[in-house]
Every structure is written in C-alpha cells, then in structure tokens.
C-alpha cells in the first residue's frame, strides 16, 4: 500500500514537473525569441517610417526653399535695399498716403545664411487707403511681411496716422541680381480689391460708425466740483474725449441723448432720463449697462 502511494505521488510530481517545465520551455525557447523578433521588427518598421518622414520633410523643405528663392530680394544687400525701398515708395504714392516717408534700417545677418532688411513706412490716409495698401502689399510676390502696424485715428475717425514695420529677406541663391520678383502672390483669399470693401462698411475707428459709441461711453467719475455742485464725468473711449456734466445738462453720444437728472456723489452713480424713461448708471459702467428704474422712482 505504501509503495502504491509513493508511485502516485511520484506520478503527480512528474506531471507537475512536466507542466511547469513545459511552460518554462515554451516561454523561454519558443515565445521569448518570437517576442524578441517581433519587437525588433517593430523597431525597424518605426525607424524606416521615421527615415521616410525625414526624407519627405527634406523634399518639402527643398520645394519651399525654391519658392522662397524665387520671391527673395537680390542677394546683393545694397542692391536689394535700394530696389525694395523704391518699390515701397511707389506703393505709398499709388495708395496716395499723405505725408509719407519710407526709412530703411541697417540690414541684419541671420544665422550667416540670409539677410533681413527692416523698413518703416509712415503716412496718413483713410481706412480705404489702408485697405488698399495692405491688399497691394500682400499681393506682391516679394519675400516680405508686416511685423506691426500702428494706427492712430483722428477725432472723427476719418483719417488715420499709419506706421508700418516691415521686414524683407534676401536669400542666397536668388535667381535675380538687379531686379525684384515679378508677378503676384497667392497669399490673399481673393484677388479682387472690391471683395475687401466690406471692411469699409465697418469702420472700427469712427465714432458713431459701425461701432456703437454708446456702448463705449463710460461713467468714469462722480465728484463734487467747484461750489459744491456734483459733476458726472463721462469717458468716450472711441474718441478719447471726456465730458464733465452737471445735473440738468444733456449728454449726447452718436444718436443717443439723455438728460442728467440726478448725481449721487456718495453712491457713485447718476440717474439719466431719455425718451421718458429713467436709467440708473453706476461708476465704471457704460451707457448700455444702465438699469431701468420703475416709473414711481
């Protein structure tokens, strides 16, 4: 009986050894090398994909460089500087900016590969002239850009004092030595200036124009003026004007007119009356934020 039990235990042990040993053999001898081979294959495929992407980027970069060289100013910096400044002068004359000037800064060497030529254009004109200037500038085929625009509107917004900071590039390998690029670019969404006249219908710089002057008129202060009479200070943000009014005086902004009914210095607010309705306006609010008071107030 004891011998029989020993045989059974030996058989069970053998089965266990066979099971675990087989599993170890399967993982070590078969699955391990297979998994390793799969990992190597995945890494190789990733490397090939990366190399193909790098080659594609190089080809694309060469194509872009070829386009840039066709748009570049001539490689001779002084020639490029003179020709491009002359082109800017022609542009401002074509747009008819008043009191215009074109200044050229010192050329800057970038990464020992190309030259950056800075220019500043100043003048005075209308929104229509500004639109035309931008249209003609970006329609030109040159390798240039406007870095910044300074716009200072007159009091009525009809005329604008303009200042443009412009950068043009001269690349090595340009195919021209004595002239600028010809033709036109494809930077613009439309090739017709008339398509941009919609800008003129929304003059952002004119008080009482498409921007609501009422919305940009704020109660900036409520003070006791000379003689103890309270005074309300209104700031017209679009024109930069400030109006100081007493009770009984009228505030007119664009097509809106209201009478100053009451000025509460301690509460920092005023009561306006317009078209038979009274409105409470607090310090820091614009006219559109006034609160309608009930009739019994």
Protein backbone atom coordinates (compact mmCIF):
# COMPACT_ATOMS: atom_id res chain seq x y z
CA UNK A 1 0.00 0.00 0.00
CA UNK A 2 2.79 2.42 0.92
CA UNK A 3 4.60 1.61 -2.30
CA UNK A 4 1.46 2.36 -4.27
CA UNK A 5 1.09 5.75 -2.63
CA UNK A 6 4.70 6.57 -3.43
CA UNK A 7 4.08 5.75 -7.08
CA UNK A 8 1.01 8.01 -7.18
CA UNK A 9 2.93 10.91 -5.56
CA UNK A 10 5.81 10.38 -7.98
CA UNK A 11 3.41 10.43 -10.90
CA UNK A 12 1.77 13.66 -9.65
CA UNK A 13 5.16 15.25 -9.13
CA UNK A 14 6.18 14.19 -12.60
CA UNK A 15 3.06 15.71 -14.09
CA UNK A 16 3.66 18.95 -12.23
CA UNK A 17 7.26 19.00 -13.36
CA UNK A 18 6.16 18.33 -16.91
CA UNK A 19 3.56 21.11 -16.77
CA UNK A 20 5.77 23.79 -15.28
CA UNK A 21 8.80 22.66 -17.19
CA UNK A 22 6.85 22.66 -20.44
CA UNK A 23 5.53 26.13 -19.68
CA UNK A 24 9.05 27.34 -18.96
CA UNK A 25 10.31 25.68 -22.12
CA UNK A 26 7.50 27.25 -24.16
CA UNK A 27 8.22 30.75 -22.82
CA UNK A 28 11.99 30.50 -22.96
CA UNK A 29 12.60 28.52 -26.12
CA UNK A 30 9.64 29.49 -28.28
CA UNK A 31 7.75 32.57 -27.08
CA UNK A 32 10.79 34.51 -25.88
CA UNK A 33 12.68 34.54 -29.20
CA UNK A 34 9.43 35.12 -31.09
CA UNK A 35 8.55 38.14 -28.95
CA UNK A 36 12.08 39.46 -29.29
CA UNK A 37 11.89 39.10 -33.06
CA UNK A 38 8.55 40.92 -33.12
CA UNK A 39 9.99 43.79 -31.03
CA UNK A 40 12.97 44.08 -33.35
CA UNK A 41 10.67 44.11 -36.37
CA UNK A 42 8.50 46.85 -34.80
CA UNK A 43 11.58 48.98 -34.05
CA UNK A 44 12.87 48.54 -37.59
CA UNK A 45 9.49 49.48 -39.05
CA UNK A 46 9.40 52.56 -36.81
CA UNK A 47 12.91 53.52 -37.89
CA UNK A 48 12.02 53.08 -41.56
CA UNK A 49 8.87 55.20 -41.08
CA UNK A 50 10.91 57.91 -39.36
CA UNK A 51 13.52 57.92 -42.13
CA UNK A 52 10.83 58.13 -44.81
CA UNK A 53 9.23 61.08 -42.97
CA UNK A 54 12.60 62.80 -42.71
CA UNK A 55 13.19 62.33 -46.43
CA UNK A 56 9.73 63.70 -47.18
CA UNK A 57 10.46 66.73 -44.97
CA UNK A 58 13.75 67.31 -46.80
CA UNK A 59 12.00 67.18 -50.18
CA UNK A 60 9.30 69.56 -48.93
CA UNK A 61 11.90 71.92 -47.48
CA UNK A 62 13.73 72.00 -50.82
CA UNK A 63 10.50 72.87 -52.60
CA UNK A 64 9.73 75.64 -50.10
CA UNK A 65 13.29 76.98 -50.37
CA UNK A 66 12.98 77.07 -54.15
CA UNK A 67 9.77 79.13 -53.84
CA UNK A 68 11.40 81.48 -51.32
CA UNK A 69 14.42 81.97 -53.58
CA UNK A 70 12.09 82.94 -56.42
CA UNK A 71 10.48 85.57 -54.11
CA UNK A 72 13.68 86.72 -52.41
CA UNK A 73 15.22 90.13 -52.85
CA UNK A 74 18.50 90.06 -54.84
CA UNK A 75 21.45 88.56 -52.98
CA UNK A 76 23.43 91.82 -53.08
CA UNK A 77 22.20 93.57 -49.94
CA UNK A 78 22.72 97.16 -51.09
CA UNK A 79 21.02 96.50 -54.41
CA UNK A 80 18.17 94.76 -52.64
CA UNK A 81 17.82 97.59 -50.14
CA UNK A 82 17.64 100.24 -52.85
CA UNK A 83 15.23 98.35 -55.10
CA UNK A 84 12.83 97.40 -52.31
CA UNK A 85 12.78 100.91 -50.83
CA UNK A 86 11.93 102.21 -54.29
CA UNK A 87 9.08 99.69 -54.53
CA UNK A 88 7.70 100.83 -51.15
CA UNK A 89 7.82 104.46 -52.30
CA UNK A 90 5.88 103.56 -55.42
CA UNK A 91 3.32 101.74 -53.28
CA UNK A 92 2.63 104.63 -50.89
CA UNK A 93 2.37 107.01 -53.85
CA UNK A 94 -0.01 104.63 -55.60
CA UNK A 95 -2.18 104.47 -52.47
CA UNK A 96 -1.74 108.26 -52.12
CA UNK A 97 -0.84 108.37 -48.43
CA UNK A 98 -0.30 111.96 -47.29
CA UNK A 99 2.98 112.99 -45.70
CA UNK A 100 4.50 109.60 -46.42
CA UNK A 101 8.05 108.54 -45.66
CA UNK A 102 10.00 105.30 -46.18
CA UNK A 103 13.02 104.64 -44.00
CA UNK A 104 15.48 101.77 -44.31
CA UNK A 105 17.26 100.30 -41.28
CA UNK A 106 20.59 98.51 -41.18
CA UNK A 107 20.48 95.02 -42.78
CA UNK A 108 20.83 92.17 -40.27
CA UNK A 109 22.67 88.91 -40.94
CA UNK A 110 20.68 85.90 -39.71
CA UNK A 111 22.44 82.62 -38.90
CA UNK A 112 25.04 83.51 -41.55
CA UNK A 113 22.54 82.31 -44.15
CA UNK A 114 20.37 85.23 -45.21
CA UNK A 115 19.85 88.97 -44.76
CA UNK A 116 16.90 90.64 -43.05
CA UNK A 117 16.20 94.16 -44.29
CA UNK A 118 14.00 96.30 -41.98
CA UNK A 119 11.91 99.21 -43.26
CA UNK A 120 9.50 101.70 -41.71
CA UNK A 121 6.68 103.31 -43.68
CA UNK A 122 4.67 106.25 -42.32
CA UNK A 123 1.79 108.19 -43.77
CA UNK A 124 -1.74 109.45 -43.27
CA UNK A 125 -4.85 108.20 -45.02
CA UNK A 126 -8.35 106.81 -44.78
CA UNK A 127 -9.46 103.28 -43.96
CA UNK A 128 -9.97 102.74 -47.68
CA UNK A 129 -6.35 103.70 -48.36
CA UNK A 130 -5.13 101.43 -45.57
CA UNK A 131 -7.12 98.54 -47.05
CA UNK A 132 -5.67 99.22 -50.49
CA UNK A 133 -2.12 99.40 -49.09
CA UNK A 134 -2.48 96.02 -47.36
CA UNK A 135 -4.05 94.47 -50.46
CA UNK A 136 -1.24 95.64 -52.75
CA UNK A 137 1.44 94.70 -50.22
CA UNK A 138 0.33 91.10 -49.79
CA UNK A 139 -0.48 90.70 -53.48
CA UNK A 140 3.16 91.46 -54.32
CA UNK A 141 5.43 88.42 -54.89
CA UNK A 142 8.26 89.58 -52.60
CA UNK A 143 9.54 87.65 -49.60
CA UNK A 144 8.38 90.19 -47.02
CA UNK A 145 5.97 90.71 -44.18
CA UNK A 146 4.48 93.44 -42.00
CA UNK A 147 5.70 92.94 -38.45
CA UNK A 148 3.44 95.54 -36.85
CA UNK A 149 1.02 98.33 -37.73
CA UNK A 150 0.48 101.48 -35.70
CA UNK A 151 -2.90 103.16 -36.25
CA UNK A 152 -3.89 106.43 -34.59
CA UNK A 153 -7.34 107.67 -35.67
CA UNK A 154 -8.29 111.32 -35.78
CA UNK A 155 -11.13 112.53 -33.55
CA UNK A 156 -13.81 111.62 -36.10
CA UNK A 157 -12.01 108.51 -37.32
CA UNK A 158 -11.98 109.69 -40.95
CA UNK A 159 -8.18 109.95 -41.16
CA UNK A 160 -5.60 107.57 -39.72
CA UNK A 161 -1.97 108.17 -38.85
CA UNK A 162 -0.26 104.98 -40.04
CA UNK A 163 3.07 103.38 -39.25
CA UNK A 164 4.22 100.04 -40.70
CA UNK A 165 7.18 97.97 -39.53
CA UNK A 166 8.23 95.82 -42.50
CA UNK A 167 10.82 93.07 -42.96
CA UNK A 168 12.11 91.75 -46.29
CA UNK A 169 14.54 88.87 -46.83
CA UNK A 170 17.46 88.38 -49.21
CA UNK A 171 18.39 84.69 -49.54
CA UNK A 172 21.45 83.13 -51.10
CA UNK A 173 20.65 81.50 -54.43
CA UNK A 174 18.17 84.13 -55.61
CA UNK A 175 17.89 83.95 -59.41
CA UNK A 176 17.95 87.75 -59.81
CA UNK A 177 20.76 90.23 -59.21
CA UNK A 178 19.37 93.56 -60.42
CA UNK A 179 15.57 93.41 -60.05
CA UNK A 180 12.79 92.35 -57.73
CA UNK A 181 10.48 89.39 -58.26
CA UNK A 182 7.65 89.93 -60.73
CA UNK A 183 4.09 88.66 -60.91
CA UNK A 184 1.79 88.28 -57.93
CA UNK A 185 1.49 86.04 -54.89
CA UNK A 186 -1.33 83.75 -53.79
CA UNK A 187 -1.37 84.90 -50.15
CA UNK A 188 -4.75 86.59 -50.39
CA UNK A 189 -8.08 84.82 -50.20
CA UNK A 190 -9.38 86.93 -53.09
CA UNK A 191 -7.54 88.54 -55.98
CA UNK A 192 -10.07 91.38 -56.21
CA UNK A 193 -9.76 94.54 -54.11
CA UNK A 194 -13.53 95.03 -54.30
CA UNK A 195 -14.04 91.89 -52.23
CA UNK A 196 -12.36 93.67 -49.30
CA UNK A 197 -14.58 96.75 -49.42
CA UNK A 198 -16.74 95.10 -46.76
CA UNK A 199 -14.09 96.36 -44.34
CA UNK A 200 -15.09 99.92 -45.17
CA UNK A 201 -18.66 99.22 -44.10
CA UNK A 202 -17.43 98.60 -40.56
CA UNK A 203 -15.12 101.47 -39.76
CA UNK A 204 -13.69 100.45 -36.41
CA UNK A 205 -12.15 103.87 -35.92
CA UNK A 206 -15.13 106.16 -36.44
CA UNK A 207 -17.26 107.34 -33.54
CA UNK A 208 -20.91 106.77 -34.31
CA UNK A 209 -19.99 104.47 -37.20
CA UNK A 210 -20.46 100.75 -37.21
CA UNK A 211 -19.12 100.55 -33.64
CA UNK A 212 -21.72 101.64 -31.11
CA UNK A 213 -20.40 104.79 -29.43
CA UNK A 214 -23.00 104.38 -26.66
CA UNK A 215 -21.51 101.03 -25.73
CA UNK A 216 -18.07 102.67 -25.45
CA UNK A 217 -19.13 105.60 -23.25
CA UNK A 218 -18.45 105.04 -19.53
CA UNK A 219 -19.21 106.81 -16.29
CA UNK A 220 -15.64 107.49 -15.17
CA UNK A 221 -16.26 109.68 -12.14
CA UNK A 222 -18.82 111.23 -9.79
CA UNK A 223 -17.33 114.21 -7.92
CA UNK A 224 -18.16 117.42 -6.09
CA UNK A 225 -16.96 120.19 -8.35
CA UNK A 226 -16.23 123.81 -7.53
CA UNK A 227 -19.03 125.39 -5.50
CA UNK A 228 -20.16 122.01 -4.23
CA UNK A 229 -22.16 121.17 -7.33
CA UNK A 230 -21.96 117.45 -8.16
CA UNK A 231 -20.47 116.58 -11.51
CA UNK A 232 -20.51 113.39 -13.61
CA UNK A 233 -17.52 112.56 -15.81
CA UNK A 234 -18.19 110.51 -18.93
CA UNK A 235 -15.37 108.95 -20.95
CA UNK A 236 -15.90 108.40 -24.69
CA UNK A 237 -13.42 105.61 -25.37
CA UNK A 238 -13.62 105.73 -29.18
CA UNK A 239 -12.64 109.38 -29.44
CA UNK A 240 -10.66 109.75 -26.21
CA UNK A 241 -12.94 112.62 -25.18
CA UNK A 242 -14.13 113.23 -21.61
CA UNK A 243 -17.27 115.20 -20.82
CA UNK A 244 -17.98 116.73 -17.40
CA UNK A 245 -21.67 117.45 -16.85
CA UNK A 246 -23.89 118.84 -14.07
CA UNK A 247 -27.48 117.99 -13.23
CA UNK A 248 -29.87 119.27 -15.88
CA UNK A 249 -27.30 119.14 -18.66
CA UNK A 250 -27.55 116.79 -21.64
CA UNK A 251 -25.24 114.01 -22.74
CA UNK A 252 -25.28 113.35 -26.49
CA UNK A 253 -23.36 110.39 -27.94
CA UNK A 254 -23.99 109.42 -31.54
CA UNK A 255 -27.77 109.32 -31.93
CA UNK A 256 -28.38 108.97 -28.18
CA UNK A 257 -29.32 111.94 -25.97
CA UNK A 258 -30.07 111.84 -22.23
CA UNK A 259 -30.52 114.45 -19.50
CA UNK A 260 -28.59 114.20 -16.23
CA UNK A 261 -31.44 114.10 -13.70
CA UNK A 262 -29.50 113.33 -10.52
CA UNK A 263 -25.88 112.87 -9.48
CA UNK A 264 -25.32 110.91 -6.25
CA UNK A 265 -21.73 111.52 -5.15
CA UNK A 266 -21.85 109.23 -2.12
CA UNK A 267 -23.43 106.35 -4.06
CA UNK A 268 -21.17 106.90 -7.10
CA UNK A 269 -23.99 106.79 -9.62
CA UNK A 270 -26.19 109.02 -11.76
CA UNK A 271 -29.77 108.97 -12.99
CA UNK A 272 -30.33 109.68 -16.68
CA UNK A 273 -33.58 110.37 -18.47
CA UNK A 274 -34.10 109.53 -22.13
CA UNK A 275 -37.39 109.27 -24.03
CA UNK A 276 -39.41 109.44 -20.82
CA UNK A 277 -37.52 106.58 -19.14
CA UNK A 278 -35.15 106.97 -16.23
CA UNK A 279 -31.95 104.93 -16.00
CA UNK A 280 -29.51 104.33 -13.15
CA UNK A 281 -25.87 104.26 -14.20
CA UNK A 282 -23.14 103.28 -11.71
CA UNK A 283 -19.47 104.18 -11.71
CA UNK A 284 -17.45 102.12 -14.22
CA UNK A 285 -20.46 101.08 -16.33
CA UNK A 286 -21.08 102.03 -19.94
CA UNK A 287 -24.38 103.52 -21.09
CA UNK A 288 -25.75 100.19 -22.31
CA UNK A 289 -25.37 98.76 -18.79
CA UNK A 290 -27.70 101.35 -17.19
CA UNK A 291 -30.54 99.91 -15.09
CA UNK A 292 -34.12 100.90 -15.99
CA UNK A 293 -35.85 102.44 -12.96
CA UNK A 294 -39.56 101.85 -12.22
CA UNK A 295 -41.94 104.74 -13.02
CA UNK A 296 -42.59 105.56 -9.37
CA UNK A 297 -38.89 106.27 -8.69
